[in-house]
Amino acid sequence: MQWQRPLPANLSAPLGTHNSLLRARSRRHVVTGFEGPLSIKSVVTGTVAWRSGSRDLVVDRDSFLVLQDGEPYSMDIDARAPVATLCVFFQRGFAESVRASLGSQAIDPEPARVPFLGHLHPRDERILPRMQSIAAAPEAGSLWLDEQYLLLARDLVLLDRDLRRRAGMMPARRPATREELYRRVRRGQELLHAQPGSDWSLGEIARQSCLSPYHFHRAFTTAFGMTPHQYRNELRLAQARRLLETTELTVTEICGAVGFQSAPSFTTLFRQSFGVPPTAARKKASPDKTSAPASATMRS
């Protein structure tokens, strides 16, 4: 486990007093009821389930997690192969200051304390690629890293704006109802991320989200631009690509492992999503089979 400046190596400065970066690689690691500052969690290799409240928030190489300032969370890694994570912790008030600067022409605008929306997010075009570039630059200097903190905070503000816009599109009249509906739909999204290979029925996911099947399907499609079935297929295909790049499993074995019943239909969907069949994707993978990220981008 390695902290990167400006947090001192002896950890004498509490989290939240500086922007800081934690790189960790371990087969066994436990965190229980930790209340840290605003943070972004990403996974370089493997899969990690963070727990917040009653929710298991499963993060892999194609997703990231945003946890609020003061939000208690736990995590438990117990894996055969080492799991590598990269987490950014923001100085308290830093992201709010960036948000204030983006929305004001004043020289030193006063930041407002507004919680950021959302927990789990699939691969996007800003935050996750930036986290992965940081992970690939372990010897980066302080100036470059300080710029990445600024850009990540800006990207987090932009993501938050987009989430609030989508929440405002929910099929309900009152703003408070739309926000609550969006929160429930996000619960369904988290379930799909936690168990993409499970054969969830629409009724089961809707029930877990405290919505009727019709209302959940309609709201989910509005929020994410695809149906729950299409969203789950995208998750399964991204998982299949990771397995192609990091294991020696056959295409048929991977097809079954990620939840598809038919190898021909899996190959067709894979080609439609990534532009090449599974066998070609494996040939294009890097020699060490660990560093090539999946390229599918999904809406948060």
C-alpha atoms as a PDB file:
ATOM      1  CA  MET A   1       0.000   0.000   0.000  1.00  0.00           C
ATOM      2  CA  GLN A   2       1.503   3.338  -1.032  1.00  0.00           C
ATOM      3  CA  TRP A   3       0.460   6.934  -0.443  1.00  0.00           C
ATOM      4  CA  GLN A   4       1.584   9.559  -2.947  1.00  0.00           C
ATOM      5  CA  ARG A   5       2.343  13.165  -2.064  1.00  0.00           C
ATOM      6  CA  PRO A   6       1.267  15.615  -0.793  1.00  0.00           C
ATOM      7  CA  LEU A   7       0.179  13.268   2.024  1.00  0.00           C
ATOM      8  CA  PRO A   8       3.271  12.431   4.104  1.00  0.00           C
ATOM      9  CA  ALA A   9       4.452   8.832   4.042  1.00  0.00           C
ATOM     10  CA  ASN A  10       3.981   8.565   7.812  1.00  0.00           C
ATOM     11  CA  LEU A  11       0.282   9.428   7.413  1.00  0.00           C
ATOM     12  CA  SER A  12       0.626  12.150  10.054  1.00  0.00           C
ATOM     13  CA  ALA A  13      -1.722  14.431   8.069  1.00  0.00           C
ATOM     14  CA  PRO A  14      -5.329  13.198   8.382  1.00  0.00           C
ATOM     15  CA  LEU A  15      -7.259  12.423   5.206  1.00  0.00           C
ATOM     16  CA  GLY A  16      -9.179  15.488   4.067  1.00  0.00           C
ATOM     17  CA  THR A  17      -6.450  17.985   4.952  1.00  0.00           C
ATOM     18  CA  HIS A  18      -4.705  17.408   1.588  1.00  0.00           C
ATOM     19  CA  ASN A  19      -5.541  15.929  -1.781  1.00  0.00           C
ATOM     20  CA  SER A  20      -4.002  12.471  -1.657  1.00  0.00           C
ATOM     21  CA  LEU A  21      -3.654   9.282  -3.638  1.00  0.00           C
ATOM     22  CA  LEU A  22      -3.586   5.715  -2.350  1.00  0.00           C
ATOM     23  CA  ARG A  23      -2.217   2.870  -4.451  1.00  0.00           C
ATOM     24  CA  ALA A  24      -2.828  -0.561  -2.896  1.00  0.00           C
ATOM     25  CA  ARG A  25      -2.151  -4.131  -3.987  1.00  0.00           C
ATOM     26  CA  SER A  26      -3.168  -6.978  -1.726  1.00  0.00           C
ATOM     27  CA  ARG A  27      -4.811 -10.387  -1.489  1.00  0.00           C
ATOM     28  CA  ARG A  28      -6.286  -9.561   1.898  1.00  0.00           C
ATOM     29  CA  HIS A  29      -7.412  -6.168   3.129  1.00  0.00           C
ATOM     30  CA  VAL A  30     -10.276  -5.099   5.395  1.00  0.00           C
ATOM     31  CA  VAL A  31     -11.750  -1.649   6.085  1.00  0.00           C
ATOM     32  CA  THR A  32     -14.693  -1.308   8.479  1.00  0.00           C
ATOM     33  CA  GLY A  33     -16.926   1.716   9.007  1.00  0.00           C
ATOM     34  CA  PHE A  34     -14.424   4.257   7.720  1.00  0.00           C
ATOM     35  CA  GLU A  35     -15.624   7.866   7.323  1.00  0.00           C
ATOM     36  CA  GLY A  36     -13.275   9.636   4.946  1.00  0.00           C
ATOM     37  CA  PRO A  37     -13.462  12.733   2.764  1.00  0.00           C
ATOM     38  CA  LEU A  38     -14.952  12.871  -0.727  1.00  0.00           C
ATOM     39  CA  SER A  39     -13.179  10.158  -2.705  1.00  0.00           C
ATOM     40  CA  ILE A  40     -13.043   8.294  -6.014  1.00  0.00           C
ATOM     41  CA  LYS A  41     -12.370   4.539  -5.897  1.00  0.00           C
ATOM     42  CA  SER A  42     -11.107   2.592  -8.913  1.00  0.00           C
ATOM     43  CA  VAL A  43      -9.743  -0.899  -9.489  1.00  0.00           C
ATOM     44  CA  VAL A  44      -6.660  -1.620 -11.601  1.00  0.00           C
ATOM     45  CA  THR A  45      -6.871  -5.426 -11.446  1.00  0.00           C
ATOM     46  CA  GLY A  46      -9.527  -7.660  -9.935  1.00  0.00           C
ATOM     47  CA  THR A  47     -12.866  -6.733  -8.395  1.00  0.00           C
ATOM     48  CA  VAL A  48     -13.686  -5.032  -5.090  1.00  0.00           C
ATOM     49  CA  ALA A  49     -17.008  -4.697  -3.258  1.00  0.00           C
ATOM     50  CA  TRP A  50     -17.233  -1.546  -1.158  1.00  0.00           C
ATOM     51  CA  ARG A  51     -20.210  -1.452   1.184  1.00  0.00           C
ATOM     52  CA  SER A  52     -22.097   1.722   2.052  1.00  0.00           C
ATOM     53  CA  GLY A  53     -25.182   1.399   4.197  1.00  0.00           C
ATOM     54  CA  SER A  54     -26.877  -1.791   3.038  1.00  0.00           C
ATOM     55  CA  ARG A  55     -25.458  -1.613  -0.488  1.00  0.00           C
ATOM     56  CA  ASP A  56     -22.673  -3.695  -1.983  1.00  0.00           C
ATOM     57  CA  LEU A  57     -21.045  -1.477  -4.608  1.00  0.00           C
ATOM     58  CA  VAL A  58     -18.971  -3.749  -6.844  1.00  0.00           C
ATOM     59  CA  VAL A  59     -16.183  -2.006  -8.752  1.00  0.00           C
ATOM     60  CA  ASP A  60     -14.064  -3.517 -11.500  1.00  0.00           C
ATOM     61  CA  ARG A  61     -11.779  -2.130 -14.199  1.00  0.00           C
ATOM     62  CA  ASP A  62     -14.742  -0.733 -16.101  1.00  0.00           C
ATOM     63  CA  SER A  63     -16.364   1.246 -13.287  1.00  0.00           C
ATOM     64  CA  PHE A  64     -15.600   3.639 -10.463  1.00  0.00           C
ATOM     65  CA  LEU A  65     -17.157   4.661  -7.176  1.00  0.00           C
ATOM     66  CA  VAL A  66     -17.732   8.112  -5.665  1.00  0.00           C
ATOM     67  CA  LEU A  67     -18.148   8.241  -1.875  1.00  0.00           C
ATOM     68  CA  GLN A  68     -19.297  11.368  -0.059  1.00  0.00           C
ATOM     69  CA  ASP A  69     -17.439  13.292   2.607  1.00  0.00           C
ATOM     70  CA  GLY A  70     -18.202  11.584   5.918  1.00  0.00           C
ATOM     71  CA  GLU A  71     -20.051   8.655   4.336  1.00  0.00           C
ATOM     72  CA  PRO A  72     -19.188   5.477   6.302  1.00  0.00           C
ATOM     73  CA  TYR A  73     -18.024   2.582   4.155  1.00  0.00           C
ATOM     74  CA  SER A  74     -16.432  -0.840   4.471  1.00  0.00           C
ATOM     75  CA  MET A  75     -14.595  -3.171   2.121  1.00  0.00           C
ATOM     76  CA  ASP A  76     -13.204  -6.683   2.392  1.00  0.00           C
ATOM     77  CA  ILE A  77     -10.688  -8.109  -0.081  1.00  0.00           C
ATOM     78  CA  ASP A  78     -10.001 -11.842   0.173  1.00  0.00           C
ATOM     79  CA  ALA A  79      -8.729 -13.002  -3.208  1.00  0.00           C
ATOM     80  CA  ARG A  80      -6.406 -15.657  -4.603  1.00  0.00           C
ATOM     81  CA  ALA A  81      -4.677 -13.202  -6.927  1.00  0.00           C
ATOM     82  CA  PRO A  82      -3.577  -9.737  -5.765  1.00  0.00           C
ATOM     83  CA  VAL A  83      -6.192  -7.018  -6.249  1.00  0.00           C
ATOM     84  CA  ALA A  84      -4.881  -3.550  -7.149  1.00  0.00           C
ATOM     85  CA  THR A  85      -6.815  -0.377  -6.378  1.00  0.00           C
ATOM     86  CA  LEU A  86      -6.284   3.324  -6.944  1.00  0.00           C
ATOM     87  CA  CYS A  87      -8.189   5.778  -4.735  1.00  0.00           C
ATOM     88  CA  VAL A  88      -8.175   9.582  -4.747  1.00  0.00           C
ATOM     89  CA  PHE A  89      -9.123  11.443  -1.560  1.00  0.00           C
ATOM     90  CA  PHE A  90      -9.948  15.132  -1.921  1.00  0.00           C
ATOM     91  CA  GLN A  91      -9.112  17.867   0.544  1.00  0.00           C
ATOM     92  CA  ARG A  92     -12.333  18.946   2.225  1.00  0.00           C
ATOM     93  CA  GLY A  93     -13.839  21.854   0.308  1.00  0.00           C
ATOM     94  CA  PHE A  94     -11.562  21.336  -2.722  1.00  0.00           C
ATOM     95  CA  ALA A  95     -14.166  19.959  -5.138  1.00  0.00           C
ATOM     96  CA  GLU A  96     -16.728  22.499  -3.885  1.00  0.00           C
ATOM     97  CA  SER A  97     -14.221  25.272  -4.611  1.00  0.00           C
ATOM     98  CA  VAL A  98     -13.739  23.959  -8.145  1.00  0.00           C
ATOM     99  CA  ARG A  99     -17.525  23.866  -8.609  1.00  0.00           C
ATOM    100  CA  ALA A 100     -17.802  27.459  -7.408  1.00  0.00           C
ATOM    101  CA  SER A 101     -15.069  28.569  -9.817  1.00  0.00           C
ATOM    102  CA  LEU A 102     -16.807  26.881 -12.756  1.00  0.00           C
ATOM    103  CA  GLY A 103     -20.059  28.688 -11.989  1.00  0.00           C
ATOM    104  CA  SER A 104     -18.767  32.173 -11.147  1.00  0.00           C
ATOM    105  CA  GLN A 105     -16.668  34.944 -12.683  1.00  0.00           C
ATOM    106  CA  ALA A 106     -15.508  36.153  -9.271  1.00  0.00           C
ATOM    107  CA  ILE A 107     -11.793  36.043  -8.450  1.00  0.00           C
ATOM    108  CA  ASP A 108     -12.339  33.914  -5.345  1.00  0.00           C
ATOM    109  CA  PRO A 109     -15.949  32.646  -5.291  1.00  0.00           C
ATOM    110  CA  GLU A 110     -17.346  31.280  -2.049  1.00  0.00           C
ATOM    111  CA  PRO A 111     -17.865  27.498  -2.327  1.00  0.00           C
ATOM    112  CA  ALA A 112     -21.224  26.034  -1.314  1.00  0.00           C
ATOM    113  CA  ARG A 113     -21.541  22.733   0.530  1.00  0.00           C
ATOM    114  CA  VAL A 114     -23.590  20.535  -1.829  1.00  0.00           C
ATOM    115  CA  PRO A 115     -23.308  16.715  -1.712  1.00  0.00           C
ATOM    116  CA  PHE A 116     -22.338  15.085  -4.978  1.00  0.00           C
ATOM    117  CA  LEU A 117     -24.880  12.674  -6.443  1.00  0.00           C
ATOM    118  CA  GLY A 118     -24.409   9.028  -7.168  1.00  0.00           C
ATOM    119  CA  HIS A 119     -22.323   6.133  -5.993  1.00  0.00           C
ATOM    120  CA  LEU A 120     -21.353   3.662  -8.684  1.00  0.00           C
ATOM    121  CA  HIS A 121     -20.564   4.742 -12.233  1.00  0.00           C
ATOM    122  CA  PRO A 122     -19.708   2.715 -15.340  1.00  0.00           C
ATOM    123  CA  ARG A 123     -16.813   3.628 -17.607  1.00  0.00           C
ATOM    124  CA  ASP A 124     -17.075   7.214 -18.811  1.00  0.00           C
ATOM    125  CA  GLU A 125     -14.977   9.392 -21.101  1.00  0.00           C
ATOM    126  CA  ARG A 126     -13.392  11.547 -18.380  1.00  0.00           C
ATOM    127  CA  ILE A 127     -12.949  10.253 -14.840  1.00  0.00           C
ATOM    128  CA  LEU A 128     -12.078   6.583 -15.324  1.00  0.00           C
ATOM    129  CA  PRO A 129      -9.576   7.224 -18.162  1.00  0.00           C
ATOM    130  CA  ARG A 130      -7.905   9.854 -15.948  1.00  0.00           C
ATOM    131  CA  MET A 131      -7.751   7.454 -13.003  1.00  0.00           C
ATOM    132  CA  GLN A 132      -6.199   4.836 -15.279  1.00  0.00           C
ATOM    133  CA  SER A 133      -3.605   7.301 -16.578  1.00  0.00           C
ATOM    134  CA  ILE A 134      -2.661   8.081 -12.968  1.00  0.00           C
ATOM    135  CA  ALA A 135      -2.388   4.363 -12.233  1.00  0.00           C
ATOM    136  CA  ALA A 136      -0.029   3.993 -15.203  1.00  0.00           C
ATOM    137  CA  ALA A 137       2.273   6.797 -13.947  1.00  0.00           C
ATOM    138  CA  PRO A 138       3.535   5.693 -10.507  1.00  0.00           C
ATOM    139  CA  GLU A 139       6.570   8.015 -10.636  1.00  0.00           C
ATOM    140  CA  ALA A 140       4.670  11.163 -11.634  1.00  0.00           C
ATOM    141  CA  GLY A 141       5.806  14.400  -9.980  1.00  0.00           C
ATOM    142  CA  SER A 142       3.796  16.563  -7.608  1.00  0.00           C
ATOM    143  CA  LEU A 143       2.926  19.271 -10.158  1.00  0.00           C
ATOM    144  CA  TRP A 144       1.460  16.796 -12.642  1.00  0.00           C
ATOM    145  CA  LEU A 145      -0.446  15.050  -9.864  1.00  0.00           C
ATOM    146  CA  ASP A 146      -1.808  18.349  -8.528  1.00  0.00           C
ATOM    147  CA  GLU A 147      -3.163  19.073 -12.011  1.00  0.00           C
ATOM    148  CA  GLN A 148      -4.854  15.667 -12.067  1.00  0.00           C
ATOM    149  CA  TYR A 149      -6.590  16.437  -8.768  1.00  0.00           C
ATOM    150  CA  LEU A 150      -7.924  19.667 -10.282  1.00  0.00           C
ATOM    151  CA  LEU A 151      -9.075  17.935 -13.460  1.00  0.00           C
ATOM    152  CA  LEU A 152     -10.691  15.090 -11.524  1.00  0.00           C
ATOM    153  CA  ALA A 153     -12.557  17.584  -9.346  1.00  0.00           C
ATOM    154  CA  ARG A 154     -13.716  19.437 -12.462  1.00  0.00           C
ATOM    155  CA  ASP A 155     -14.809  16.154 -14.076  1.00  0.00           C
ATOM    156  CA  LEU A 156     -16.645  15.204 -10.894  1.00  0.00           C
ATOM    157  CA  VAL A 157     -18.530  18.510 -11.020  1.00  0.00           C
ATOM    158  CA  LEU A 158     -19.452  17.895 -14.665  1.00  0.00           C
ATOM    159  CA  LEU A 159     -20.579  14.362 -13.843  1.00  0.00           C
ATOM    160  CA  ASP A 160     -22.689  15.670 -10.984  1.00  0.00           C
ATOM    161  CA  ARG A 161     -24.342  18.215 -13.283  1.00  0.00           C
ATOM    162  CA  ASP A 162     -25.142  15.473 -15.771  1.00  0.00           C
ATOM    163  CA  LEU A 163     -26.603  13.240 -13.059  1.00  0.00           C
ATOM    164  CA  ARG A 164     -28.814  16.063 -11.788  1.00  0.00           C
ATOM    165  CA  ARG A 165     -29.968  16.745 -15.343  1.00  0.00           C
ATOM    166  CA  ARG A 166     -30.912  13.081 -15.765  1.00  0.00           C
ATOM    167  CA  ALA A 167     -32.651  13.041 -12.403  1.00  0.00           C
ATOM    168  CA  GLY A 168     -34.690  15.980 -13.645  1.00  0.00           C
ATOM    169  CA  MET A 169     -35.817  13.915 -16.649  1.00  0.00           C
ATOM    170  CA  MET A 170     -37.462  11.229 -14.532  1.00  0.00           C
ATOM    171  CA  PRO A 171     -41.176  10.706 -15.253  1.00  0.00           C
ATOM    172  CA  ALA A 172     -42.592  12.507 -12.233  1.00  0.00           C
ATOM    173  CA  ARG A 173     -44.048  15.972 -11.597  1.00  0.00           C
ATOM    174  CA  ARG A 174     -42.341  17.126  -8.408  1.00  0.00           C
ATOM    175  CA  PRO A 175     -38.551  17.659  -8.253  1.00  0.00           C
ATOM    176  CA  ALA A 176     -38.292  15.725  -4.983  1.00  0.00           C
ATOM    177  CA  THR A 177     -40.166  12.803  -6.520  1.00  0.00           C
ATOM    178  CA  ARG A 178     -37.912  12.825  -9.591  1.00  0.00           C
ATOM    179  CA  GLU A 179     -34.802  12.739  -7.392  1.00  0.00           C
ATOM    180  CA  GLU A 180     -36.194   9.877  -5.316  1.00  0.00           C
ATOM    181  CA  LEU A 181     -37.154   7.961  -8.465  1.00  0.00           C
ATOM    182  CA  TYR A 182     -33.650   8.417  -9.842  1.00  0.00           C
ATOM    183  CA  ARG A 183     -32.166   7.187  -6.551  1.00  0.00           C
ATOM    184  CA  ARG A 184     -34.282   4.020  -6.744  1.00  0.00           C
ATOM    185  CA  VAL A 185     -33.316   3.400 -10.362  1.00  0.00           C
ATOM    186  CA  ARG A 186     -29.663   3.712  -9.353  1.00  0.00           C
ATOM    187  CA  ARG A 187     -30.272   0.887  -6.886  1.00  0.00           C
ATOM    188  CA  GLY A 188     -31.259  -1.341  -9.788  1.00  0.00           C
ATOM    189  CA  GLN A 189     -28.117  -0.287 -11.648  1.00  0.00           C
ATOM    190  CA  GLU A 190     -25.986  -1.219  -8.625  1.00  0.00           C
ATOM    191  CA  LEU A 191     -27.594  -4.664  -8.473  1.00  0.00           C
ATOM    192  CA  LEU A 192     -26.760  -5.306 -12.114  1.00  0.00           C
ATOM    193  CA  HIS A 193     -23.148  -4.278 -11.517  1.00  0.00           C
ATOM    194  CA  ALA A 194     -22.882  -6.485  -8.441  1.00  0.00           C
ATOM    195  CA  GLN A 195     -24.180  -9.603 -10.230  1.00  0.00           C
ATOM    196  CA  PRO A 196     -24.152  -9.133 -14.024  1.00  0.00           C
ATOM    197  CA  GLY A 197     -24.067 -12.879 -14.598  1.00  0.00           C
ATOM    198  CA  SER A 198     -27.214 -13.552 -12.551  1.00  0.00           C
ATOM    199  CA  ASP A 199     -30.461 -14.269 -14.318  1.00  0.00           C
ATOM    200  CA  TRP A 200     -32.378 -11.395 -12.713  1.00  0.00           C
ATOM    201  CA  SER A 201     -35.989 -10.973 -13.757  1.00  0.00           C
ATOM    202  CA  LEU A 202     -37.338  -7.492 -14.331  1.00  0.00           C
ATOM    203  CA  GLY A 203     -39.738  -8.001 -11.431  1.00  0.00           C
ATOM    204  CA  GLU A 204     -36.917  -8.936  -9.044  1.00  0.00           C
ATOM    205  CA  ILE A 205     -34.823  -5.875  -9.872  1.00  0.00           C
ATOM    206  CA  ALA A 206     -37.873  -3.595  -9.735  1.00  0.00           C
ATOM    207  CA  ARG A 207     -38.833  -5.039  -6.350  1.00  0.00           C
ATOM    208  CA  GLN A 208     -35.330  -4.425  -4.989  1.00  0.00           C
ATOM    209  CA  SER A 209     -35.675  -0.848  -6.263  1.00  0.00           C
ATOM    210  CA  CYS A 210     -39.124  -0.453  -4.639  1.00  0.00           C
ATOM    211  CA  LEU A 211     -40.824   0.220  -7.980  1.00  0.00           C
ATOM    212  CA  SER A 212     -43.320  -1.551 -10.211  1.00  0.00           C
ATOM    213  CA  PRO A 213     -41.736  -3.366 -13.196  1.00  0.00           C
ATOM    214  CA  TYR A 214     -43.235  -0.912 -15.702  1.00  0.00           C
ATOM    215  CA  HIS A 215     -42.217   2.170 -13.728  1.00  0.00           C
ATOM    216  CA  PHE A 216     -38.697   0.810 -13.167  1.00  0.00           C
ATOM    217  CA  HIS A 217     -38.201  -0.130 -16.828  1.00  0.00           C
ATOM    218  CA  ARG A 218     -39.413   3.258 -18.032  1.00  0.00           C
ATOM    219  CA  ALA A 219     -37.318   5.235 -15.538  1.00  0.00           C
ATOM    220  CA  PHE A 220     -34.197   3.083 -16.039  1.00  0.00           C
ATOM    221  CA  THR A 221     -34.349   3.520 -19.817  1.00  0.00           C
ATOM    222  CA  THR A 222     -34.760   7.282 -19.390  1.00  0.00           C
ATOM    223  CA  ALA A 223     -31.848   7.473 -16.943  1.00  0.00           C
ATOM    224  CA  PHE A 224     -29.308   5.370 -18.838  1.00  0.00           C
ATOM    225  CA  GLY A 225     -30.392   5.491 -22.463  1.00  0.00           C
ATOM    226  CA  MET A 226     -30.845   1.716 -22.682  1.00  0.00           C
ATOM    227  CA  THR A 227     -33.110  -0.926 -21.211  1.00  0.00           C
ATOM    228  CA  PRO A 228     -32.057  -2.979 -18.170  1.00  0.00           C
ATOM    229  CA  HIS A 229     -31.506  -5.975 -20.473  1.00  0.00           C
ATOM    230  CA  GLN A 230     -29.276  -3.988 -22.816  1.00  0.00           C
ATOM    231  CA  TYR A 231     -27.387  -2.519 -19.863  1.00  0.00           C
ATOM    232  CA  ARG A 232     -26.738  -5.969 -18.390  1.00  0.00           C
ATOM    233  CA  ASN A 233     -25.514  -7.235 -21.766  1.00  0.00           C
ATOM    234  CA  GLU A 234     -23.002  -4.372 -21.891  1.00  0.00           C
ATOM    235  CA  LEU A 235     -21.745  -5.305 -18.427  1.00  0.00           C
ATOM    236  CA  ARG A 236     -21.408  -8.960 -19.429  1.00  0.00           C
ATOM    237  CA  LEU A 237     -19.566  -8.102 -22.631  1.00  0.00           C
ATOM    238  CA  ALA A 238     -17.086  -5.885 -20.771  1.00  0.00           C
ATOM    239  CA  GLN A 239     -16.497  -8.702 -18.281  1.00  0.00           C
ATOM    240  CA  ALA A 240     -16.001 -11.147 -21.163  1.00  0.00           C
ATOM    241  CA  ARG A 241     -13.383  -8.880 -22.706  1.00  0.00           C
ATOM    242  CA  ARG A 242     -11.486  -8.691 -19.419  1.00  0.00           C
ATOM    243  CA  LEU A 243     -11.506 -12.497 -19.195  1.00  0.00           C
ATOM    244  CA  LEU A 244     -10.264 -12.785 -22.772  1.00  0.00           C
ATOM    245  CA  GLU A 245      -7.387 -10.441 -21.945  1.00  0.00           C
ATOM    246  CA  THR A 246      -6.427 -11.912 -18.570  1.00  0.00           C
ATOM    247  CA  THR A 247      -7.201 -15.653 -18.673  1.00  0.00           C
ATOM    248  CA  GLU A 248      -6.756 -18.709 -20.873  1.00  0.00           C
ATOM    249  CA  LEU A 249     -10.431 -19.677 -20.721  1.00  0.00           C
ATOM    250  CA  THR A 250     -11.974 -20.665 -24.044  1.00  0.00           C
ATOM    251  CA  VAL A 251     -14.555 -18.447 -25.688  1.00  0.00           C
ATOM    252  CA  THR A 252     -17.261 -20.999 -24.841  1.00  0.00           C
ATOM    253  CA  GLU A 253     -16.184 -21.075 -21.186  1.00  0.00           C
ATOM    254  CA  ILE A 254     -16.188 -17.278 -21.011  1.00  0.00           C
ATOM    255  CA  CYS A 255     -19.593 -17.144 -22.662  1.00  0.00           C
ATOM    256  CA  GLY A 256     -21.043 -19.284 -19.869  1.00  0.00           C
ATOM    257  CA  ALA A 257     -19.044 -17.591 -17.121  1.00  0.00           C
ATOM    258  CA  VAL A 258     -20.493 -14.150 -17.857  1.00  0.00           C
ATOM    259  CA  GLY A 259     -24.078 -15.392 -18.177  1.00  0.00           C
ATOM    260  CA  PHE A 260     -24.722 -15.883 -21.912  1.00  0.00           C
ATOM    261  CA  GLN A 261     -26.465 -19.107 -22.930  1.00  0.00           C
ATOM    262  CA  SER A 262     -25.532 -19.179 -26.612  1.00  0.00           C
ATOM    263  CA  ALA A 263     -21.954 -18.899 -27.917  1.00  0.00           C
ATOM    264  CA  PRO A 264     -23.045 -17.730 -31.424  1.00  0.00           C
ATOM    265  CA  SER A 265     -25.255 -14.945 -30.018  1.00  0.00           C
ATOM    266  CA  PHE A 266     -22.466 -13.978 -27.590  1.00  0.00           C
ATOM    267  CA  THR A 267     -19.990 -13.716 -30.491  1.00  0.00           C
ATOM    268  CA  THR A 268     -22.440 -11.587 -32.478  1.00  0.00           C
ATOM    269  CA  LEU A 269     -23.052  -9.205 -29.582  1.00  0.00           C
ATOM    270  CA  PHE A 270     -19.329  -9.006 -28.831  1.00  0.00           C
ATOM    271  CA  ARG A 271     -18.533  -8.073 -32.436  1.00  0.00           C
ATOM    272  CA  GLN A 272     -21.286  -5.436 -32.442  1.00  0.00           C
ATOM    273  CA  SER A 273     -19.945  -3.896 -29.229  1.00  0.00           C
ATOM    274  CA  PHE A 274     -16.172  -4.014 -29.845  1.00  0.00           C
ATOM    275  CA  GLY A 275     -15.868  -4.281 -33.626  1.00  0.00           C
ATOM    276  CA  VAL A 276     -14.040  -7.643 -33.560  1.00  0.00           C
ATOM    277  CA  PRO A 277     -14.968 -11.221 -32.579  1.00  0.00           C
ATOM    278  CA  PRO A 278     -13.790 -12.598 -29.219  1.00  0.00           C
ATOM    279  CA  THR A 279     -10.855 -14.508 -30.698  1.00  0.00           C
ATOM    280  CA  ALA A 280      -9.529 -11.362 -32.387  1.00  0.00           C
ATOM    281  CA  ALA A 281      -9.887  -9.385 -29.159  1.00  0.00           C
ATOM    282  CA  ARG A 282      -7.725 -11.949 -27.374  1.00  0.00           C
ATOM    283  CA  LYS A 283      -5.022 -11.712 -30.063  1.00  0.00           C
ATOM    284  CA  LYS A 284      -4.968  -7.902 -29.725  1.00  0.00           C
ATOM    285  CA  ALA A 285      -4.535  -8.057 -25.937  1.00  0.00           C
ATOM    286  CA  SER A 286      -1.196  -6.938 -24.517  1.00  0.00           C
ATOM    287  CA  PRO A 287       1.425  -9.646 -23.866  1.00  0.00           C
ATOM    288  CA  ASP A 288       1.069  -9.442 -20.074  1.00  0.00           C
ATOM    289  CA  LYS A 289      -2.727  -9.677 -20.436  1.00  0.00           C
ATOM    290  CA  THR A 290      -3.290  -7.228 -17.608  1.00  0.00           C
ATOM    291  CA  SER A 291      -2.948  -3.713 -18.873  1.00  0.00           C
ATOM    292  CA  ALA A 292      -5.348  -3.354 -21.792  1.00  0.00           C
ATOM    293  CA  PRO A 293      -8.593  -1.765 -20.574  1.00  0.00           C
ATOM    294  CA  ALA A 294     -11.938  -2.609 -22.094  1.00  0.00           C
ATOM    295  CA  SER A 295     -13.101   0.148 -24.392  1.00  0.00           C
ATOM    296  CA  ALA A 296     -16.863   0.036 -23.897  1.00  0.00           C
ATOM    297  CA  THR A 297     -18.274   3.285 -22.517  1.00  0.00           C
ATOM    298  CA  MET A 298     -21.618   3.316 -20.725  1.00  0.00           C
ATOM    299  CA  ARG A 299     -23.738   6.084 -19.324  1.00  0.00           C
ATOM    300  CA  SER A 300     -23.676   6.540 -15.545  1.00  0.00           C
END
